[in-house]
C-alpha atoms as a PDB file:
ATOM      1  CA  UNK A   1     130.066 120.216  70.430  1.00  0.00           C
ATOM      2  CA  UNK A   2     129.116 120.691  74.078  1.00  0.00           C
ATOM      3  CA  UNK A   3     127.362 123.767  75.364  1.00  0.00           C
ATOM      4  CA  UNK A   4     128.650 125.792  78.319  1.00  0.00           C
ATOM      5  CA  UNK A   5     125.923 124.286  80.480  1.00  0.00           C
ATOM      6  CA  UNK A   6     126.905 120.735  79.501  1.00  0.00           C
ATOM      7  CA  UNK A   7     130.551 121.502  80.266  1.00  0.00           C
ATOM      8  CA  UNK A   8     129.599 122.993  83.631  1.00  0.00           C
ATOM      9  CA  UNK A   9     127.626 119.869  84.538  1.00  0.00           C
ATOM     10  CA  UNK A  10     130.347 117.486  83.385  1.00  0.00           C
ATOM     11  CA  UNK A  11     132.971 119.408  85.375  1.00  0.00           C
ATOM     12  CA  UNK A  12     131.063 118.584  88.562  1.00  0.00           C
ATOM     13  CA  UNK A  13     131.015 114.814  87.968  1.00  0.00           C
ATOM     14  CA  UNK A  14     134.383 113.475  89.061  1.00  0.00           C
ATOM     15  CA  UNK A  15     136.039 110.205  89.972  1.00  0.00           C
ATOM     16  CA  UNK A  16     137.296 109.539  93.489  1.00  0.00           C
ATOM     17  CA  UNK A  17     140.980 110.460  92.902  1.00  0.00           C
ATOM     18  CA  UNK A  18     139.893 113.850  91.523  1.00  0.00           C
ATOM     19  CA  UNK A  19     137.599 114.381  94.497  1.00  0.00           C
ATOM     20  CA  UNK A  20     140.473 113.598  96.864  1.00  0.00           C
ATOM     21  CA  UNK A  21     142.621 116.269  95.215  1.00  0.00           C
ATOM     22  CA  UNK A  22     139.847 118.848  95.538  1.00  0.00           C
ATOM     23  CA  UNK A  23     139.238 117.951  99.186  1.00  0.00           C
ATOM     24  CA  UNK A  24     142.917 118.277 100.064  1.00  0.00           C
ATOM     25  CA  UNK A  25     143.089 121.668  98.336  1.00  0.00           C
ATOM     26  CA  UNK A  26     139.943 122.940 100.036  1.00  0.00           C
ATOM     27  CA  UNK A  27     141.145 121.744 103.438  1.00  0.00           C
ATOM     28  CA  UNK A  28     144.515 123.432 102.912  1.00  0.00           C
ATOM     29  CA  UNK A  29     142.575 126.635 102.242  1.00  0.00           C
ATOM     30  CA  UNK A  30     140.756 126.185 105.559  1.00  0.00           C
ATOM     31  CA  UNK A  31     137.416 125.259 104.030  1.00  0.00           C
ATOM     32  CA  UNK A  32     135.133 122.751 105.720  1.00  0.00           C
ATOM     33  CA  UNK A  33     134.125 119.897 103.402  1.00  0.00           C
ATOM     34  CA  UNK A  34     130.872 118.007 103.999  1.00  0.00           C
ATOM     35  CA  UNK A  35     130.227 114.588 102.466  1.00  0.00           C
ATOM     36  CA  UNK A  36     127.068 112.562 102.088  1.00  0.00           C
ATOM     37  CA  UNK A  37     125.871 109.974  99.626  1.00  0.00           C
ATOM     38  CA  UNK A  38     122.777 108.265  98.350  1.00  0.00           C
ATOM     39  CA  UNK A  39     120.866 106.777  95.458  1.00  0.00           C
ATOM     40  CA  UNK A  40     118.891 109.937  94.566  1.00  0.00           C
ATOM     41  CA  UNK A  41     116.620 108.088  92.154  1.00  0.00           C
ATOM     42  CA  UNK A  42     113.321 109.894  91.570  1.00  0.00           C
ATOM     43  CA  UNK A  43     114.598 113.054  93.231  1.00  0.00           C
ATOM     44  CA  UNK A  44     112.051 114.586  95.627  1.00  0.00           C
ATOM     45  CA  UNK A  45     111.736 117.416  98.158  1.00  0.00           C
ATOM     46  CA  UNK A  46     113.089 115.215 100.947  1.00  0.00           C
ATOM     47  CA  UNK A  47     116.334 114.809  99.009  1.00  0.00           C
ATOM     48  CA  UNK A  48     116.564 118.562  98.444  1.00  0.00           C
ATOM     49  CA  UNK A  49     115.921 119.350 102.109  1.00  0.00           C
ATOM     50  CA  UNK A  50     118.538 116.792 103.146  1.00  0.00           C
ATOM     51  CA  UNK A  51     121.130 118.262 100.762  1.00  0.00           C
ATOM     52  CA  UNK A  52     120.336 121.838 101.813  1.00  0.00           C
ATOM     53  CA  UNK A  53     120.873 120.942 105.476  1.00  0.00           C
ATOM     54  CA  UNK A  54     124.115 119.137 104.616  1.00  0.00           C
ATOM     55  CA  UNK A  55     125.322 122.170 102.637  1.00  0.00           C
ATOM     56  CA  UNK A  56     124.737 124.407 105.671  1.00  0.00           C
ATOM     57  CA  UNK A  57     127.261 122.361 107.664  1.00  0.00           C
ATOM     58  CA  UNK A  58     130.291 123.459 105.655  1.00  0.00           C
ATOM     59  CA  UNK A  59     131.804 125.414 102.797  1.00  0.00           C
ATOM     60  CA  UNK A  60     131.796 122.631 100.201  1.00  0.00           C
ATOM     61  CA  UNK A  61     129.289 119.825  99.710  1.00  0.00           C
ATOM     62  CA  UNK A  62     130.298 116.571  98.042  1.00  0.00           C
ATOM     63  CA  UNK A  63     127.575 114.077  97.247  1.00  0.00           C
ATOM     64  CA  UNK A  64     128.479 110.502  96.449  1.00  0.00           C
ATOM     65  CA  UNK A  65     126.153 108.759  94.033  1.00  0.00           C
ATOM     66  CA  UNK A  66     125.579 105.022  94.271  1.00  0.00           C
ATOM     67  CA  UNK A  67     126.180 103.203  90.993  1.00  0.00           C
ATOM     68  CA  UNK A  68     123.380 101.374  89.173  1.00  0.00           C
ATOM     69  CA  UNK A  69     124.775  98.015  90.336  1.00  0.00           C
ATOM     70  CA  UNK A  70     124.820  99.234  93.932  1.00  0.00           C
ATOM     71  CA  UNK A  71     121.214 100.459  93.685  1.00  0.00           C
ATOM     72  CA  UNK A  72     120.082  97.070  92.350  1.00  0.00           C
ATOM     73  CA  UNK A  73     121.747  95.324  95.299  1.00  0.00           C
ATOM     74  CA  UNK A  74     120.157  97.718  97.798  1.00  0.00           C
ATOM     75  CA  UNK A  75     116.683  98.277  96.318  1.00  0.00           C
ATOM     76  CA  UNK A  76     116.022  95.340  93.975  1.00  0.00           C
ATOM     77  CA  UNK A  77     116.179  94.428  90.299  1.00  0.00           C
ATOM     78  CA  UNK A  78     113.588  96.995  89.204  1.00  0.00           C
ATOM     79  CA  UNK A  79     115.748  99.896  90.374  1.00  0.00           C
ATOM     80  CA  UNK A  80     117.109 102.375  89.623  1.00  0.00           C
ATOM     81  CA  UNK A  81     114.434 104.026  87.521  1.00  0.00           C
ATOM     82  CA  UNK A  82     116.994 106.575  86.262  1.00  0.00           C
ATOM     83  CA  UNK A  83     120.480 105.375  85.333  1.00  0.00           C
ATOM     84  CA  UNK A  84     123.576 106.703  87.107  1.00  0.00           C
ATOM     85  CA  UNK A  85     124.458 109.094  84.291  1.00  0.00           C
ATOM     86  CA  UNK A  86     121.011 110.709  84.466  1.00  0.00           C
ATOM     87  CA  UNK A  87     121.080 110.845  88.270  1.00  0.00           C
ATOM     88  CA  UNK A  88     124.578 112.354  88.266  1.00  0.00           C
ATOM     89  CA  UNK A  89     123.598 115.021  85.727  1.00  0.00           C
ATOM     90  CA  UNK A  90     120.539 115.956  87.766  1.00  0.00           C
ATOM     91  CA  UNK A  91     122.576 116.242  90.967  1.00  0.00           C
ATOM     92  CA  UNK A  92     125.267 118.243  89.199  1.00  0.00           C
ATOM     93  CA  UNK A  93     122.612 120.683  88.007  1.00  0.00           C
ATOM     94  CA  UNK A  94     121.574 121.524  91.560  1.00  0.00           C
ATOM     95  CA  UNK A  95     123.004 124.828  92.734  1.00  0.00           C
ATOM     96  CA  UNK A  96     123.994 123.331  96.099  1.00  0.00           C
ATOM     97  CA  UNK A  97     126.607 120.964  94.766  1.00  0.00           C
ATOM     98  CA  UNK A  98     130.273 121.535  94.360  1.00  0.00           C
ATOM     99  CA  UNK A  99     131.041 118.089  92.900  1.00  0.00           C
ATOM    100  CA  UNK A 100     129.113 114.841  92.359  1.00  0.00           C
ATOM    101  CA  UNK A 101     131.357 111.766  92.249  1.00  0.00           C
ATOM    102  CA  UNK A 102     130.324 108.313  91.084  1.00  0.00           C
ATOM    103  CA  UNK A 103     130.635 105.557  93.618  1.00  0.00           C
ATOM    104  CA  UNK A 104     131.443 102.341  91.803  1.00  0.00           C
ATOM    105  CA  UNK A 105     130.636 100.173  94.822  1.00  0.00           C
ATOM    106  CA  UNK A 106     128.560 100.404  97.960  1.00  0.00           C
ATOM    107  CA  UNK A 107     130.344 102.767 100.377  1.00  0.00           C
ATOM    108  CA  UNK A 108     132.824 101.329 102.837  1.00  0.00           C
ATOM    109  CA  UNK A 109     131.046  99.961 105.893  1.00  0.00           C
ATOM    110  CA  UNK A 110     132.383 101.691 108.995  1.00  0.00           C
ATOM    111  CA  UNK A 111     129.889 100.210 111.470  1.00  0.00           C
ATOM    112  CA  UNK A 112     126.686  98.240 111.266  1.00  0.00           C
ATOM    113  CA  UNK A 113     124.639 101.456 111.038  1.00  0.00           C
ATOM    114  CA  UNK A 114     126.844 103.975 109.236  1.00  0.00           C
ATOM    115  CA  UNK A 115     128.326 104.038 105.758  1.00  0.00           C
ATOM    116  CA  UNK A 116     130.899 106.548 104.654  1.00  0.00           C
ATOM    117  CA  UNK A 117     133.792 107.069 102.282  1.00  0.00           C
ATOM    118  CA  UNK A 118     136.915 108.555 103.782  1.00  0.00           C
ATOM    119  CA  UNK A 119     139.077 110.561 101.396  1.00  0.00           C
ATOM    120  CA  UNK A 120     141.805 111.668 103.808  1.00  0.00           C
END
């Protein structure tokens, strides 16, 4: 049986269709939704500072998490150190986050320098 804390964490880890529904609801309510993504393996103060600054830009912060396969392609065969389930749980535990979706693939390439997922 799951504890309340486990349920709270699991409720923050959603798939992309669920995230889209939340975003549409929040936007309809007039809330500003901020999105960023990353690997977040071996979480450090730089990650926390980055997320805190992102959270200040809106009412809701969504953080996309690269999958293990994506991390291997980006950073090499010896990565990630922590698997995607562990990384997602750690991100979900941070007080800044509203939701932490899994990204099954590398984010859609918009330009040669920027990567982003567009939900709407």
